[in-house]
Amino acid sequence: MAVMVAIGSIGSLLAMAEEHQKEEKVAIFSDALNHASIIDGIRLAERQRAVKLYVYRHCDISHLNALLSSCTLKRKVVVTDSLFSMDGDFAPLVELVNLRKKHGFLLVIDDAHGTFVCGEHGGGVAEEFNCENEIDICVGTLSKAGGCHGGFVACSKKWKQLILSRGRSFIFSTAAPVPVIAAAHAAAVVASKEVWRRREIWNRVREFQTLMGISITSHIISIIIGSEEKALQASRHLLRSGFHVTAIRPPTVAPNSCRLRVTLSAAHTVDDLKKLRDALCYCINLEDVSGHSSKGCARL
């Protein structure tokens, strides 16, 4: 049974864990497109001089398996976003779980974009792929689908005690205000009981894919434009048309992969999607763009 602990970023968790195990090195295997908070956490761990970092190609299980097989360190951690924030694609969790059984590593996921959105009960991407019991540590946020503030770690009681006693960002930060905790609890109740909200999100995803004619795998949709200038021009036009769609540029994404990042919600209507498509068609040629790109990563 997982327990939940409020905490800062996944990075602080990694750094804390490595400090605790500084007597022997730990190998960390990180997806090439992991979120900046994971990257910064690994850097904190590296400052302890107790880790060796391996970066595997984005969602490339074969590459990860090869790196794991060649690693001679006994302690191994694989960390990945469950749903990638800039490409909107899912980590291959089922394959990662199978690899975990083979290599015996600690599997850590950042479920920031899956919490309350994926899974029958809003339990996230691990619930969606029916592998919750195979995930060692799941870090989530209350600031996205929850509409609140703060975050949590779902983990075993053993990990909970370690975090409570050694997690510097948890120990030396102010507790969340009671109204924020109450709002987060209310959000969790709504996410669990009002299943129609998730159903509406995924209906919008399918409808937008049909309207746009591009491959879409989640409610996070990256429309690759290319240059910064074109992405900014398109973003400004969309704002004038009533849509706040941010232009994502380096260092968040790799050069020449600037994009418009659309995020769908249960509040959007089919009419909203049609108007957005029309606004997009006015400023970009949809035949020249792709739904997402996993080639390359920004140096954060």
Protein backbone atom coordinates (compact mmCIF):
# COMPACT_ATOMS: atom_id res chain seq x y z
CA MET A 1 0.00 0.00 0.00
CA ALA A 2 1.58 3.28 -1.07
CA VAL A 3 1.70 6.20 1.32
CA MET A 4 1.88 9.83 0.31
CA VAL A 5 4.28 12.48 1.55
CA ALA A 6 4.22 16.13 0.54
CA ILE A 7 7.58 17.20 -0.88
CA GLY A 8 9.22 19.54 -3.36
CA SER A 9 10.70 18.19 -6.60
CA ILE A 10 11.72 14.73 -7.68
CA GLY A 11 15.23 16.14 -7.83
CA SER A 12 15.41 16.68 -4.10
CA LEU A 13 14.28 13.11 -3.56
CA LEU A 14 17.09 11.75 -5.74
CA ALA A 15 19.70 13.93 -4.07
CA MET A 16 18.50 12.89 -0.62
CA ALA A 17 18.57 9.20 -1.50
CA GLU A 18 22.11 9.40 -2.81
CA GLU A 19 23.31 11.29 0.27
CA HIS A 20 21.89 8.48 2.39
CA GLN A 21 23.80 5.90 0.36
CA LYS A 22 27.03 7.85 -0.08
CA GLU A 23 29.11 4.88 1.11
CA GLU A 24 28.71 3.24 -2.30
CA LYS A 25 27.95 4.71 -5.71
CA VAL A 26 24.52 4.56 -7.28
CA ALA A 27 23.89 4.37 -11.03
CA ILE A 28 21.10 6.66 -12.26
CA PHE A 29 19.54 6.01 -15.67
CA SER A 30 17.60 9.00 -16.97
CA ASP A 31 15.49 9.43 -20.11
CA ALA A 32 17.01 11.99 -22.49
CA LEU A 33 13.85 14.12 -22.41
CA ASN A 34 13.21 14.08 -18.67
CA HIS A 35 11.92 17.24 -17.03
CA ALA A 36 14.34 19.91 -15.81
CA SER A 37 13.51 19.14 -12.17
CA ILE A 38 14.82 15.59 -12.63
CA ILE A 39 17.95 16.86 -14.34
CA ASP A 40 18.60 19.37 -11.56
CA GLY A 41 18.04 16.68 -8.94
CA ILE A 42 20.59 14.45 -10.60
CA ARG A 43 23.04 17.34 -10.59
CA LEU A 44 22.50 17.73 -6.86
CA ALA A 45 23.18 14.02 -6.44
CA GLU A 46 26.33 14.29 -8.56
CA ARG A 47 27.65 16.93 -6.16
CA GLN A 48 27.66 14.23 -3.50
CA ARG A 49 30.19 12.38 -5.70
CA ALA A 50 28.16 9.23 -5.12
CA VAL A 51 26.41 8.65 -8.45
CA LYS A 52 27.21 7.71 -12.01
CA LEU A 53 24.80 9.06 -14.61
CA TYR A 54 23.61 7.22 -17.71
CA VAL A 55 21.29 9.00 -20.16
CA TYR A 56 19.33 6.66 -22.41
CA ARG A 57 17.71 7.66 -25.68
CA HIS A 58 14.13 8.87 -25.34
CA CYS A 59 11.82 5.93 -24.56
CA ASP A 60 14.41 3.55 -26.04
CA ILE A 61 14.12 0.33 -24.01
CA SER A 62 16.82 -1.45 -26.03
CA HIS A 63 19.33 1.29 -25.29
CA LEU A 64 18.39 1.32 -21.61
CA ASN A 65 18.73 -2.46 -21.41
CA ALA A 66 22.19 -2.27 -22.96
CA LEU A 67 23.30 0.41 -20.48
CA LEU A 68 21.92 -1.56 -17.54
CA SER A 69 23.61 -4.74 -18.73
CA SER A 70 26.99 -3.03 -19.02
CA CYS A 71 26.76 -1.29 -15.64
CA THR A 72 28.73 -3.01 -12.86
CA LEU A 73 27.30 -0.96 -10.00
CA LYS A 74 24.92 -2.89 -7.75
CA ARG A 75 22.55 -0.02 -6.89
CA LYS A 76 20.58 1.23 -9.89
CA VAL A 77 17.80 3.79 -10.29
CA VAL A 78 15.77 4.38 -13.46
CA VAL A 79 13.89 7.67 -13.48
CA THR A 80 11.49 8.95 -16.13
CA ASP A 81 8.58 11.22 -16.76
CA SER A 82 5.44 9.11 -17.11
CA LEU A 83 3.93 11.58 -19.60
CA PHE A 84 6.45 13.90 -21.21
CA SER A 85 5.56 17.56 -20.88
CA MET A 86 6.98 18.83 -24.17
CA ASP A 87 6.09 15.96 -26.52
CA GLY A 88 2.94 14.61 -24.91
CA ASP A 89 4.02 10.98 -25.31
CA PHE A 90 3.94 8.27 -22.66
CA ALA A 91 6.93 6.48 -21.17
CA PRO A 92 6.88 2.74 -22.00
CA LEU A 93 5.95 1.80 -18.43
CA VAL A 94 5.03 -1.82 -19.16
CA GLU A 95 8.41 -2.41 -20.79
CA LEU A 96 10.18 -0.58 -17.96
CA VAL A 97 8.43 -2.80 -15.41
CA ASN A 98 9.58 -5.91 -17.29
CA LEU A 99 13.11 -4.52 -17.38
CA ARG A 100 12.90 -3.84 -13.64
CA LYS A 101 12.22 -7.53 -13.04
CA LYS A 102 15.31 -8.41 -15.06
CA HIS A 103 17.76 -5.91 -13.58
CA GLY A 104 16.30 -5.20 -10.13
CA PHE A 105 16.55 -1.40 -10.28
CA LEU A 106 14.53 1.18 -8.35
CA LEU A 107 11.87 2.59 -10.70
CA VAL A 108 10.94 6.25 -10.14
CA ILE A 109 8.36 8.14 -12.21
CA ASP A 110 7.36 11.79 -12.36
CA ASP A 111 3.59 11.70 -12.92
CA ALA A 112 3.02 15.46 -13.00
CA HIS A 113 0.93 15.34 -16.17
CA GLY A 114 -0.80 12.02 -15.51
CA THR A 115 -2.14 12.56 -11.99
CA PHE A 116 -5.97 12.88 -11.96
CA VAL A 117 -6.03 12.72 -15.78
CA CYS A 118 -5.04 9.12 -16.52
CA GLY A 119 -6.36 5.89 -15.07
CA GLU A 120 -9.87 4.75 -14.20
CA HIS A 121 -9.80 6.53 -10.85
CA GLY A 122 -7.39 9.31 -11.80
CA GLY A 123 -4.45 7.44 -10.28
CA GLY A 124 -2.15 8.46 -13.11
CA VAL A 125 -0.21 6.77 -15.88
CA ALA A 126 0.77 3.77 -13.74
CA GLU A 127 -2.91 3.05 -13.11
CA GLU A 128 -3.64 3.55 -16.80
CA PHE A 129 -1.12 0.83 -17.67
CA ASN A 130 -2.07 -1.36 -14.70
CA CYS A 131 1.38 -1.39 -13.12
CA GLU A 132 0.95 0.69 -9.94
CA ASN A 133 2.38 -2.04 -7.73
CA GLU A 134 5.55 -2.20 -9.83
CA ILE A 135 6.46 1.47 -9.40
CA ASP A 136 8.76 2.06 -6.42
CA ILE A 137 8.35 5.82 -6.15
CA CYS A 138 5.82 8.07 -7.89
CA VAL A 139 6.20 11.83 -7.62
CA GLY A 140 3.22 13.97 -8.54
CA THR A 141 2.05 17.55 -8.41
CA LEU A 142 -1.12 19.24 -7.21
CA SER A 143 -0.55 22.31 -9.38
CA LYS A 144 -1.76 20.96 -12.73
CA ALA A 145 -4.94 18.86 -12.93
CA GLY A 146 -5.45 19.44 -9.20
CA GLY A 147 -5.46 23.20 -9.68
CA CYS A 148 -3.76 23.73 -6.30
CA HIS A 149 -0.18 23.99 -5.09
CA GLY A 150 2.53 21.64 -3.90
CA GLY A 151 3.23 18.00 -4.64
CA PHE A 152 3.47 14.52 -3.20
CA VAL A 153 5.44 11.30 -3.23
CA ALA A 154 3.60 7.96 -3.32
CA CYS A 155 5.93 5.34 -1.87
CA SER A 156 6.38 2.58 0.68
CA LYS A 157 6.49 3.27 4.43
CA LYS A 158 10.25 2.65 4.35
CA TRP A 159 10.80 5.35 1.75
CA LYS A 160 8.41 7.65 3.61
CA GLN A 161 10.52 7.44 6.77
CA LEU A 162 13.70 8.13 4.79
CA ILE A 163 12.16 11.19 3.12
CA LEU A 164 10.79 12.55 6.38
CA SER A 165 14.14 12.20 8.11
CA ARG A 166 16.59 13.05 5.31
CA GLY A 167 14.73 15.10 2.68
CA ARG A 168 16.24 18.56 3.02
CA SER A 169 13.74 20.37 0.79
CA PHE A 170 10.93 18.82 2.83
CA ILE A 171 12.45 19.42 6.26
CA PHE A 172 13.56 23.01 5.64
CA SER A 173 10.47 24.32 3.88
CA THR A 174 7.27 25.75 5.35
CA ALA A 175 4.29 23.43 5.54
CA ALA A 176 1.51 24.01 3.03
CA PRO A 177 -1.26 26.31 4.36
CA VAL A 178 -4.42 24.57 5.58
CA PRO A 179 -6.64 26.08 2.82
CA VAL A 180 -4.27 24.67 0.18
CA ILE A 181 -4.40 21.23 1.81
CA ALA A 182 -8.20 21.41 1.91
CA ALA A 183 -8.34 22.40 -1.76
CA ALA A 184 -5.99 19.57 -2.70
CA HIS A 185 -8.14 17.08 -0.79
CA ALA A 186 -11.26 18.40 -2.52
CA ALA A 187 -9.53 18.07 -5.90
CA ALA A 188 -8.63 14.45 -5.15
CA VAL A 189 -12.24 13.68 -4.20
CA VAL A 190 -13.58 15.33 -7.36
CA ALA A 191 -11.03 13.52 -9.54
CA SER A 192 -12.01 10.19 -8.02
CA LYS A 193 -15.79 10.60 -8.14
CA GLU A 194 -16.44 12.76 -11.21
CA VAL A 195 -15.18 10.34 -13.84
CA TRP A 196 -16.91 12.32 -16.58
CA ARG A 197 -14.15 14.94 -16.39
CA ARG A 198 -11.50 12.45 -17.54
CA ARG A 199 -13.85 11.08 -20.16
CA GLU A 200 -14.37 14.58 -21.56
CA ILE A 201 -10.62 15.22 -21.76
CA TRP A 202 -10.01 12.06 -23.78
CA ASN A 203 -13.03 12.81 -25.99
CA ARG A 204 -11.43 16.18 -26.79
CA VAL A 205 -8.11 14.46 -27.56
CA ARG A 206 -9.75 12.17 -30.13
CA GLU A 207 -11.80 15.02 -31.62
CA PHE A 208 -8.78 17.31 -31.95
CA GLN A 209 -6.79 14.56 -33.63
CA THR A 210 -9.56 14.16 -36.19
CA LEU A 211 -9.79 17.90 -36.76
CA MET A 212 -6.03 18.41 -37.07
CA GLY A 213 -5.11 15.25 -38.95
CA ILE A 214 -1.92 14.73 -36.94
CA SER A 215 -0.88 12.03 -34.50
CA ILE A 216 -1.91 12.87 -30.93
CA THR A 217 -1.41 10.57 -27.94
CA SER A 218 -2.51 12.70 -24.98
CA HIS A 219 -4.02 15.99 -23.83
CA ILE A 220 -0.57 17.60 -24.25
CA ILE A 221 -0.15 18.41 -27.92
CA SER A 222 3.08 19.78 -29.32
CA ILE A 223 2.79 21.28 -32.78
CA ILE A 224 6.36 21.51 -34.05
CA ILE A 225 6.95 24.77 -35.93
CA GLY A 226 10.73 24.89 -36.25
CA SER A 227 12.19 28.37 -35.86
CA GLU A 228 11.70 30.67 -32.90
CA GLU A 229 10.40 33.48 -35.12
CA LYS A 230 7.64 31.34 -36.66
CA ALA A 231 6.62 29.91 -33.30
CA LEU A 232 6.40 33.36 -31.71
CA GLN A 233 4.44 34.78 -34.64
CA ALA A 234 1.97 31.92 -34.46
CA SER A 235 1.61 32.28 -30.69
CA ARG A 236 0.88 36.02 -31.00
CA HIS A 237 -1.72 35.41 -33.69
CA LEU A 238 -3.44 32.78 -31.54
CA LEU A 239 -3.51 35.19 -28.58
CA ARG A 240 -5.20 37.81 -30.73
CA SER A 241 -7.67 35.13 -31.76
CA GLY A 242 -8.50 34.37 -28.13
CA PHE A 243 -6.21 31.39 -27.49
CA HIS A 244 -3.30 31.45 -25.07
CA VAL A 245 -0.93 28.94 -26.66
CA THR A 246 2.66 29.38 -25.54
CA ALA A 247 5.58 29.21 -27.96
CA ILE A 248 8.11 26.77 -26.49
CA ARG A 249 11.72 27.66 -27.34
CA PRO A 250 15.27 26.74 -26.33
CA PRO A 251 16.51 25.92 -23.78
CA THR A 252 13.24 24.13 -22.99
CA VAL A 253 13.40 22.30 -26.32
CA ALA A 254 16.23 21.67 -28.79
CA PRO A 255 17.09 24.34 -31.40
CA ASN A 256 14.89 24.28 -34.52
CA SER A 257 12.21 22.28 -32.72
CA CYS A 258 10.27 25.28 -31.40
CA ARG A 259 6.62 24.46 -30.96
CA LEU A 260 3.15 25.49 -29.94
CA ARG A 261 2.06 23.56 -26.86
CA VAL A 262 -1.67 22.98 -26.63
CA THR A 263 -3.17 21.53 -23.45
CA LEU A 264 -6.74 20.27 -23.57
CA SER A 265 -9.10 20.18 -20.60
CA ALA A 266 -12.58 18.96 -19.74
CA ALA A 267 -13.81 22.54 -19.97
CA HIS A 268 -13.07 22.81 -23.69
CA THR A 269 -15.86 22.22 -26.20
CA VAL A 270 -15.85 20.89 -29.74
CA ASP A 271 -16.57 24.44 -30.89
CA ASP A 272 -13.44 25.63 -29.07
CA LEU A 273 -11.40 23.02 -30.92
CA LYS A 274 -12.81 24.03 -34.29
CA LYS A 275 -12.03 27.70 -33.67
CA LEU A 276 -8.52 26.80 -32.55
CA ARG A 277 -7.99 24.72 -35.68
CA ASP A 278 -9.15 27.62 -37.86
CA ALA A 279 -6.82 30.03 -36.05
CA LEU A 280 -3.93 27.60 -36.46
CA CYS A 281 -4.63 27.10 -40.15
CA TYR A 282 -4.46 30.88 -40.65
CA CYS A 283 -0.89 31.17 -39.34
CA ILE A 284 0.72 27.79 -40.11
CA ASN A 285 0.50 25.11 -42.76
CA LEU A 286 -0.58 21.97 -40.93
CA GLU A 287 0.93 19.81 -43.66
CA ASP A 288 4.35 21.14 -42.70
CA VAL A 289 4.15 20.38 -38.98
CA SER A 290 4.24 17.24 -36.87
CA GLY A 291 2.37 16.30 -33.72
CA HIS A 292 5.46 15.72 -31.60
CA SER A 293 9.15 15.08 -31.97
CA SER A 294 11.42 13.00 -29.79
CA LYS A 295 14.60 13.81 -31.66
CA GLY A 296 17.16 15.66 -29.60
CA CYS A 297 16.82 17.36 -26.26
CA ALA A 298 17.60 20.74 -24.82
CA ARG A 299 20.63 21.16 -22.59
CA LEU A 300 19.04 22.42 -19.37
